[in-house]
């Protein structure tokens, strides 16, 4: 694809199925998380050492966040919430390492938002029963049924596009900045694009690191809040 869309990295032999940069970076992040999970849980000591301390602090932080946001009776959601939080944090800061963030592709963000959508409603049905769940669409009075349905259908769209918009916005700004600095170097007759070396660094810290981690936290928090509300 041209422009700011994800590039096609390769085509699966014998087929016309194109594998994009979004998919390959996602696979890479999944591989990193799988390796981290394996080595983090391979050996546990009664007296924690440095790496085990880090893992235990990370797990405890996720469980505390889930407990405070969703309640003690919904702690079974903690593993998923921790996974999605860590995955999004790594995906959003991929730009720091010269990779295209998977969350700069609307297919990724809408896919994750769709998972949240089904989790919300399936959890609501499991908690309240089908009758109690459907009754919630008639509250506070039946005339609001169309608005309640529209509001529920809008949830995955707002979740997906909020994350996508923030990440792709920073991605586009950084690409435009690199292009402008490269053009400036060429205009001044400098063969080495020296302006691209240090000037973008502060913006990388904001768009990739700060905004990336913040957006992953917001997406996870909204997921927890919506699921908890559907069950209560």
C-alpha atoms as a PDB file:
ATOM      1  CA  UNK A   1       0.000   0.000   0.000  1.00  0.00           C
ATOM      2  CA  UNK A   2       1.131   3.530  -0.675  1.00  0.00           C
ATOM      3  CA  UNK A   3       1.174   6.537   1.607  1.00  0.00           C
ATOM      4  CA  UNK A   4       0.816   5.910   5.309  1.00  0.00           C
ATOM      5  CA  UNK A   5      -0.927   2.560   4.952  1.00  0.00           C
ATOM      6  CA  UNK A   6       0.802  -0.655   6.064  1.00  0.00           C
ATOM      7  CA  UNK A   7       3.204  -2.043   3.475  1.00  0.00           C
ATOM      8  CA  UNK A   8       2.940  -5.558   2.120  1.00  0.00           C
ATOM      9  CA  UNK A   9       5.986  -7.444   3.408  1.00  0.00           C
ATOM     10  CA  UNK A  10       5.523 -10.712   1.527  1.00  0.00           C
ATOM     11  CA  UNK A  11       2.917 -12.917  -0.119  1.00  0.00           C
ATOM     12  CA  UNK A  12       2.298 -16.454   1.113  1.00  0.00           C
ATOM     13  CA  UNK A  13       3.757 -18.794  -1.542  1.00  0.00           C
ATOM     14  CA  UNK A  14       1.167 -20.419  -3.755  1.00  0.00           C
ATOM     15  CA  UNK A  15      -1.547 -17.968  -2.752  1.00  0.00           C
ATOM     16  CA  UNK A  16      -2.517 -14.359  -3.284  1.00  0.00           C
ATOM     17  CA  UNK A  17      -2.635 -13.689   0.460  1.00  0.00           C
ATOM     18  CA  UNK A  18      -0.549 -10.612   1.243  1.00  0.00           C
ATOM     19  CA  UNK A  19       1.026 -10.311   4.688  1.00  0.00           C
ATOM     20  CA  UNK A  20       1.347  -6.677   5.755  1.00  0.00           C
ATOM     21  CA  UNK A  21       3.787  -4.918   8.045  1.00  0.00           C
ATOM     22  CA  UNK A  22       1.036  -4.748  10.675  1.00  0.00           C
ATOM     23  CA  UNK A  23       0.753  -8.538  10.765  1.00  0.00           C
ATOM     24  CA  UNK A  24       4.518  -9.171  10.891  1.00  0.00           C
ATOM     25  CA  UNK A  25       5.096  -6.644  13.691  1.00  0.00           C
ATOM     26  CA  UNK A  26       2.153  -8.142  15.594  1.00  0.00           C
ATOM     27  CA  UNK A  27       3.690 -11.614  15.200  1.00  0.00           C
ATOM     28  CA  UNK A  28       7.010 -10.243  16.445  1.00  0.00           C
ATOM     29  CA  UNK A  29       5.397  -8.708  19.535  1.00  0.00           C
ATOM     30  CA  UNK A  30       3.482 -11.930  20.225  1.00  0.00           C
ATOM     31  CA  UNK A  31       6.746 -13.850  19.990  1.00  0.00           C
ATOM     32  CA  UNK A  32       8.423 -11.486  22.449  1.00  0.00           C
ATOM     33  CA  UNK A  33       5.552 -11.842  24.902  1.00  0.00           C
ATOM     34  CA  UNK A  34       5.586 -15.646  24.574  1.00  0.00           C
ATOM     35  CA  UNK A  35       9.336 -15.759  25.247  1.00  0.00           C
ATOM     36  CA  UNK A  36       8.996 -13.361  28.160  1.00  0.00           C
ATOM     37  CA  UNK A  37       6.203 -15.492  29.650  1.00  0.00           C
ATOM     38  CA  UNK A  38       8.280 -18.643  29.275  1.00  0.00           C
ATOM     39  CA  UNK A  39      11.456 -17.283  30.854  1.00  0.00           C
ATOM     40  CA  UNK A  40       9.553 -15.292  33.503  1.00  0.00           C
ATOM     41  CA  UNK A  41       7.779 -18.378  34.839  1.00  0.00           C
ATOM     42  CA  UNK A  42      10.416 -21.053  34.239  1.00  0.00           C
ATOM     43  CA  UNK A  43      12.043 -20.813  37.668  1.00  0.00           C
ATOM     44  CA  UNK A  44      10.399 -19.307  40.731  1.00  0.00           C
ATOM     45  CA  UNK A  45      12.379 -19.054  43.964  1.00  0.00           C
ATOM     46  CA  UNK A  46      10.954 -18.714  47.458  1.00  0.00           C
ATOM     47  CA  UNK A  47      13.233 -15.719  47.892  1.00  0.00           C
ATOM     48  CA  UNK A  48      12.655 -13.557  44.774  1.00  0.00           C
ATOM     49  CA  UNK A  49      15.624 -12.187  42.889  1.00  0.00           C
ATOM     50  CA  UNK A  50      15.741  -9.128  40.625  1.00  0.00           C
ATOM     51  CA  UNK A  51      13.908 -10.491  37.575  1.00  0.00           C
ATOM     52  CA  UNK A  52      11.376 -12.414  39.636  1.00  0.00           C
ATOM     53  CA  UNK A  53      10.773  -9.283  41.705  1.00  0.00           C
ATOM     54  CA  UNK A  54       9.978  -7.358  38.522  1.00  0.00           C
ATOM     55  CA  UNK A  55       7.565 -10.044  37.321  1.00  0.00           C
ATOM     56  CA  UNK A  56       5.796 -10.240  40.672  1.00  0.00           C
ATOM     57  CA  UNK A  57       5.463  -6.451  40.884  1.00  0.00           C
ATOM     58  CA  UNK A  58       4.042  -6.376  37.344  1.00  0.00           C
ATOM     59  CA  UNK A  59       1.485  -9.119  38.076  1.00  0.00           C
ATOM     60  CA  UNK A  60       0.530  -7.568  41.397  1.00  0.00           C
ATOM     61  CA  UNK A  61       0.023  -4.172  39.737  1.00  0.00           C
ATOM     62  CA  UNK A  62      -2.314  -5.705  37.144  1.00  0.00           C
ATOM     63  CA  UNK A  63      -4.335  -7.543  39.779  1.00  0.00           C
ATOM     64  CA  UNK A  64      -4.571  -4.434  41.976  1.00  0.00           C
ATOM     65  CA  UNK A  65      -5.719  -2.343  39.006  1.00  0.00           C
ATOM     66  CA  UNK A  66      -8.374  -4.939  38.129  1.00  0.00           C
ATOM     67  CA  UNK A  67      -9.514  -5.174  41.746  1.00  0.00           C
ATOM     68  CA  UNK A  68      -9.833  -1.405  42.151  1.00  0.00           C
ATOM     69  CA  UNK A  69     -11.583  -0.903  38.814  1.00  0.00           C
ATOM     70  CA  UNK A  70     -13.835  -3.956  38.497  1.00  0.00           C
ATOM     71  CA  UNK A  71     -14.201  -5.241  42.046  1.00  0.00           C
ATOM     72  CA  UNK A  72     -13.009  -8.256  43.988  1.00  0.00           C
ATOM     73  CA  UNK A  73     -15.566 -10.591  42.391  1.00  0.00           C
ATOM     74  CA  UNK A  74     -14.246  -9.951  38.857  1.00  0.00           C
ATOM     75  CA  UNK A  75     -10.603 -10.869  39.378  1.00  0.00           C
ATOM     76  CA  UNK A  76     -10.887 -13.607  36.738  1.00  0.00           C
ATOM     77  CA  UNK A  77     -10.572 -10.855  34.124  1.00  0.00           C
ATOM     78  CA  UNK A  78      -7.120  -9.820  35.395  1.00  0.00           C
ATOM     79  CA  UNK A  79      -5.058 -12.118  33.107  1.00  0.00           C
ATOM     80  CA  UNK A  80      -6.796 -10.811  29.972  1.00  0.00           C
ATOM     81  CA  UNK A  81      -6.596  -7.180  31.094  1.00  0.00           C
ATOM     82  CA  UNK A  82      -2.906  -7.561  31.887  1.00  0.00           C
ATOM     83  CA  UNK A  83      -2.232  -9.197  28.525  1.00  0.00           C
ATOM     84  CA  UNK A  84      -4.042  -6.515  26.525  1.00  0.00           C
ATOM     85  CA  UNK A  85      -2.348  -3.746  28.531  1.00  0.00           C
ATOM     86  CA  UNK A  86       1.155  -5.115  27.959  1.00  0.00           C
ATOM     87  CA  UNK A  87       0.485  -5.942  24.294  1.00  0.00           C
ATOM     88  CA  UNK A  88      -0.860  -2.451  23.561  1.00  0.00           C
ATOM     89  CA  UNK A  89       1.983  -0.770  25.451  1.00  0.00           C
ATOM     90  CA  UNK A  90       4.595  -2.603  23.373  1.00  0.00           C
ATOM     91  CA  UNK A  91       2.631  -2.162  20.134  1.00  0.00           C
ATOM     92  CA  UNK A  92       2.191   1.574  20.702  1.00  0.00           C
ATOM     93  CA  UNK A  93       5.890   2.219  21.373  1.00  0.00           C
ATOM     94  CA  UNK A  94       7.079   0.132  18.398  1.00  0.00           C
ATOM     95  CA  UNK A  95       7.848   3.381  16.581  1.00  0.00           C
ATOM     96  CA  UNK A  96      10.771   3.941  18.959  1.00  0.00           C
ATOM     97  CA  UNK A  97      12.464   0.937  17.356  1.00  0.00           C
ATOM     98  CA  UNK A  98      11.773   1.927  13.753  1.00  0.00           C
ATOM     99  CA  UNK A  99       8.737  -0.348  13.403  1.00  0.00           C
ATOM    100  CA  UNK A 100       5.241   0.615  12.347  1.00  0.00           C
ATOM    101  CA  UNK A 101       2.924   0.337  15.385  1.00  0.00           C
ATOM    102  CA  UNK A 102       0.239  -2.307  14.722  1.00  0.00           C
ATOM    103  CA  UNK A 103      -2.234   0.038  16.401  1.00  0.00           C
ATOM    104  CA  UNK A 104      -1.636   2.552  13.586  1.00  0.00           C
ATOM    105  CA  UNK A 105      -3.755   0.147  11.512  1.00  0.00           C
ATOM    106  CA  UNK A 106      -7.508   0.467  12.082  1.00  0.00           C
ATOM    107  CA  UNK A 107      -7.916  -3.275  11.506  1.00  0.00           C
ATOM    108  CA  UNK A 108      -5.950  -3.967  14.686  1.00  0.00           C
ATOM    109  CA  UNK A 109      -7.745  -1.447  16.884  1.00  0.00           C
ATOM    110  CA  UNK A 110     -11.221  -2.380  15.656  1.00  0.00           C
ATOM    111  CA  UNK A 111     -10.355  -6.055  16.106  1.00  0.00           C
ATOM    112  CA  UNK A 112      -9.401  -5.471  19.740  1.00  0.00           C
ATOM    113  CA  UNK A 113     -12.462  -3.268  20.257  1.00  0.00           C
ATOM    114  CA  UNK A 114     -14.672  -6.041  18.826  1.00  0.00           C
ATOM    115  CA  UNK A 115     -13.237  -8.486  21.384  1.00  0.00           C
ATOM    116  CA  UNK A 116     -14.129  -5.952  24.090  1.00  0.00           C
ATOM    117  CA  UNK A 117     -17.645  -5.603  22.622  1.00  0.00           C
ATOM    118  CA  UNK A 118     -18.352  -9.331  22.810  1.00  0.00           C
ATOM    119  CA  UNK A 119     -16.769  -9.560  26.253  1.00  0.00           C
ATOM    120  CA  UNK A 120     -19.069  -6.795  27.520  1.00  0.00           C
ATOM    121  CA  UNK A 121     -22.274  -8.406  26.340  1.00  0.00           C
ATOM    122  CA  UNK A 122     -21.398 -12.039  27.011  1.00  0.00           C
ATOM    123  CA  UNK A 123     -20.337 -11.104  30.540  1.00  0.00           C
ATOM    124  CA  UNK A 124     -23.593  -9.174  31.008  1.00  0.00           C
ATOM    125  CA  UNK A 125     -25.652 -12.157  29.874  1.00  0.00           C
ATOM    126  CA  UNK A 126     -23.680 -14.536  32.101  1.00  0.00           C
ATOM    127  CA  UNK A 127     -24.086 -12.283  35.122  1.00  0.00           C
ATOM    128  CA  UNK A 128     -27.733 -11.175  34.722  1.00  0.00           C
ATOM    129  CA  UNK A 129     -29.231 -13.876  32.555  1.00  0.00           C
ATOM    130  CA  UNK A 130     -30.672 -13.206  29.120  1.00  0.00           C
ATOM    131  CA  UNK A 131     -33.841 -11.657  30.562  1.00  0.00           C
ATOM    132  CA  UNK A 132     -32.073  -9.272  32.896  1.00  0.00           C
ATOM    133  CA  UNK A 133     -29.581  -8.373  30.191  1.00  0.00           C
ATOM    134  CA  UNK A 134     -32.288  -7.469  27.642  1.00  0.00           C
ATOM    135  CA  UNK A 135     -34.255  -5.598  30.300  1.00  0.00           C
ATOM    136  CA  UNK A 136     -31.292  -3.246  30.694  1.00  0.00           C
ATOM    137  CA  UNK A 137     -31.945  -1.865  27.204  1.00  0.00           C
ATOM    138  CA  UNK A 138     -35.374  -0.624  28.379  1.00  0.00           C
ATOM    139  CA  UNK A 139     -33.979   1.392  31.279  1.00  0.00           C
ATOM    140  CA  UNK A 140     -34.671   3.978  32.544  1.00  0.00           C
ATOM    141  CA  UNK A 141     -37.795   3.775  30.329  1.00  0.00           C
ATOM    142  CA  UNK A 142     -38.680   1.796  27.161  1.00  0.00           C
ATOM    143  CA  UNK A 143     -38.657   4.793  24.802  1.00  0.00           C
ATOM    144  CA  UNK A 144     -34.870   4.925  25.143  1.00  0.00           C
ATOM    145  CA  UNK A 145     -34.461   1.454  23.591  1.00  0.00           C
ATOM    146  CA  UNK A 146     -33.187   2.769  20.198  1.00  0.00           C
ATOM    147  CA  UNK A 147     -30.689   5.112  21.879  1.00  0.00           C
ATOM    148  CA  UNK A 148     -29.464   2.352  24.199  1.00  0.00           C
ATOM    149  CA  UNK A 149     -28.911  -0.001  21.241  1.00  0.00           C
ATOM    150  CA  UNK A 150     -27.084   2.704  19.265  1.00  0.00           C
ATOM    151  CA  UNK A 151     -24.956   3.490  22.320  1.00  0.00           C
ATOM    152  CA  UNK A 152     -23.889  -0.131  22.687  1.00  0.00           C
ATOM    153  CA  UNK A 153     -23.076  -0.454  18.972  1.00  0.00           C
ATOM    154  CA  UNK A 154     -21.043   2.746  19.153  1.00  0.00           C
ATOM    155  CA  UNK A 155     -18.811   1.395  21.940  1.00  0.00           C
ATOM    156  CA  UNK A 156     -16.418  -0.692  19.780  1.00  0.00           C
ATOM    157  CA  UNK A 157     -16.293   2.050  17.131  1.00  0.00           C
ATOM    158  CA  UNK A 158     -15.352   4.738  19.641  1.00  0.00           C
ATOM    159  CA  UNK A 159     -12.838   2.460  21.382  1.00  0.00           C
ATOM    160  CA  UNK A 160     -11.185   1.387  18.135  1.00  0.00           C
ATOM    161  CA  UNK A 161     -11.016   4.788  16.475  1.00  0.00           C
ATOM    162  CA  UNK A 162      -9.848   6.581  19.630  1.00  0.00           C
ATOM    163  CA  UNK A 163      -6.821   4.315  19.878  1.00  0.00           C
ATOM    164  CA  UNK A 164      -6.218   4.308  16.113  1.00  0.00           C
ATOM    165  CA  UNK A 165      -6.529   8.094  15.791  1.00  0.00           C
ATOM    166  CA  UNK A 166      -4.069   8.857  18.558  1.00  0.00           C
ATOM    167  CA  UNK A 167      -1.433   6.395  17.373  1.00  0.00           C
ATOM    168  CA  UNK A 168      -1.705   7.026  13.624  1.00  0.00           C
ATOM    169  CA  UNK A 169      -1.736  10.784  14.245  1.00  0.00           C
ATOM    170  CA  UNK A 170       1.648  10.621  15.970  1.00  0.00           C
ATOM    171  CA  UNK A 171       2.928   8.210  13.319  1.00  0.00           C
ATOM    172  CA  UNK A 172       1.998  10.598  10.492  1.00  0.00           C
ATOM    173  CA  UNK A 173       3.469  13.628  12.267  1.00  0.00           C
ATOM    174  CA  UNK A 174       6.782  11.843  12.824  1.00  0.00           C
ATOM    175  CA  UNK A 175       6.954  10.685   9.197  1.00  0.00           C
ATOM    176  CA  UNK A 176       6.226  14.206   7.951  1.00  0.00           C
ATOM    177  CA  UNK A 177       8.891  15.590  10.287  1.00  0.00           C
ATOM    178  CA  UNK A 178      11.506  13.107   9.060  1.00  0.00           C
ATOM    179  CA  UNK A 179      10.619  13.926   5.467  1.00  0.00           C
ATOM    180  CA  UNK A 180      10.894  17.669   6.091  1.00  0.00           C
ATOM    181  CA  UNK A 181      14.237  17.337   7.892  1.00  0.00           C
ATOM    182  CA  UNK A 182      15.592  15.116   5.108  1.00  0.00           C
ATOM    183  CA  UNK A 183      14.510  17.681   2.518  1.00  0.00           C
ATOM    184  CA  UNK A 184      16.161  20.451   4.549  1.00  0.00           C
ATOM    185  CA  UNK A 185      19.449  18.555   4.626  1.00  0.00           C
ATOM    186  CA  UNK A 186      19.269  18.006   0.861  1.00  0.00           C
ATOM    187  CA  UNK A 187      18.441  21.675   0.225  1.00  0.00           C
ATOM    188  CA  UNK A 188      21.463  22.765   2.237  1.00  0.00           C
ATOM    189  CA  UNK A 189      23.653  20.349   0.305  1.00  0.00           C
ATOM    190  CA  UNK A 190      24.336  18.121   3.313  1.00  0.00           C
ATOM    191  CA  UNK A 191      24.647  14.526   2.175  1.00  0.00           C
ATOM    192  CA  UNK A 192      24.161  13.100   5.671  1.00  0.00           C
ATOM    193  CA  UNK A 193      20.676  13.907   7.116  1.00  0.00           C
ATOM    194  CA  UNK A 194      22.099  15.268  10.376  1.00  0.00           C
ATOM    195  CA  UNK A 195      18.895  17.087  11.288  1.00  0.00           C
ATOM    196  CA  UNK A 196      17.090  13.754  11.605  1.00  0.00           C
ATOM    197  CA  UNK A 197      19.510  12.582  14.294  1.00  0.00           C
ATOM    198  CA  UNK A 198      18.450  14.646  17.311  1.00  0.00           C
ATOM    199  CA  UNK A 199      15.563  16.973  16.530  1.00  0.00           C
ATOM    200  CA  UNK A 200      12.817  14.269  16.442  1.00  0.00           C
ATOM    201  CA  UNK A 201      13.913  12.714  19.768  1.00  0.00           C
ATOM    202  CA  UNK A 202      11.671  14.822  22.076  1.00  0.00           C
ATOM    203  CA  UNK A 203       8.666  14.199  19.825  1.00  0.00           C
ATOM    204  CA  UNK A 204       9.405  10.466  19.828  1.00  0.00           C
ATOM    205  CA  UNK A 205       9.336  10.549  23.628  1.00  0.00           C
ATOM    206  CA  UNK A 206       5.916  12.202  23.565  1.00  0.00           C
ATOM    207  CA  UNK A 207       4.151  10.468  20.651  1.00  0.00           C
ATOM    208  CA  UNK A 208       5.652   6.998  21.003  1.00  0.00           C
ATOM    209  CA  UNK A 209       6.446   6.633  24.692  1.00  0.00           C
ATOM    210  CA  UNK A 210       4.143   8.904  26.695  1.00  0.00           C
ATOM    211  CA  UNK A 211       1.090   8.909  24.406  1.00  0.00           C
ATOM    212  CA  UNK A 212       1.563   5.229  23.521  1.00  0.00           C
ATOM    213  CA  UNK A 213       1.582   4.020  27.119  1.00  0.00           C
ATOM    214  CA  UNK A 214      -1.228   6.420  28.036  1.00  0.00           C
ATOM    215  CA  UNK A 215      -3.465   5.146  25.222  1.00  0.00           C
ATOM    216  CA  UNK A 216      -2.848   1.524  26.164  1.00  0.00           C
ATOM    217  CA  UNK A 217      -3.842   2.337  29.744  1.00  0.00           C
ATOM    218  CA  UNK A 218      -6.987   4.196  28.610  1.00  0.00           C
ATOM    219  CA  UNK A 219      -8.102   1.344  26.328  1.00  0.00           C
ATOM    220  CA  UNK A 220      -7.626  -1.226  29.097  1.00  0.00           C
ATOM    221  CA  UNK A 221      -9.359   0.926  31.707  1.00  0.00           C
ATOM    222  CA  UNK A 222     -12.361   1.518  29.441  1.00  0.00           C
ATOM    223  CA  UNK A 223     -12.572  -2.211  28.759  1.00  0.00           C
ATOM    224  CA  UNK A 224     -12.628  -2.955  32.489  1.00  0.00           C
ATOM    225  CA  UNK A 225     -15.200  -0.243  33.194  1.00  0.00           C
ATOM    226  CA  UNK A 226     -17.558  -1.324  30.403  1.00  0.00           C
ATOM    227  CA  UNK A 227     -17.379  -5.006  31.383  1.00  0.00           C
ATOM    228  CA  UNK A 228     -17.946  -4.202  35.070  1.00  0.00           C
ATOM    229  CA  UNK A 229     -20.915  -1.961  34.238  1.00  0.00           C
ATOM    230  CA  UNK A 230     -22.484  -4.682  32.072  1.00  0.00           C
ATOM    231  CA  UNK A 231     -22.244  -7.180  34.928  1.00  0.00           C
ATOM    232  CA  UNK A 232     -23.506  -4.937  37.744  1.00  0.00           C
END
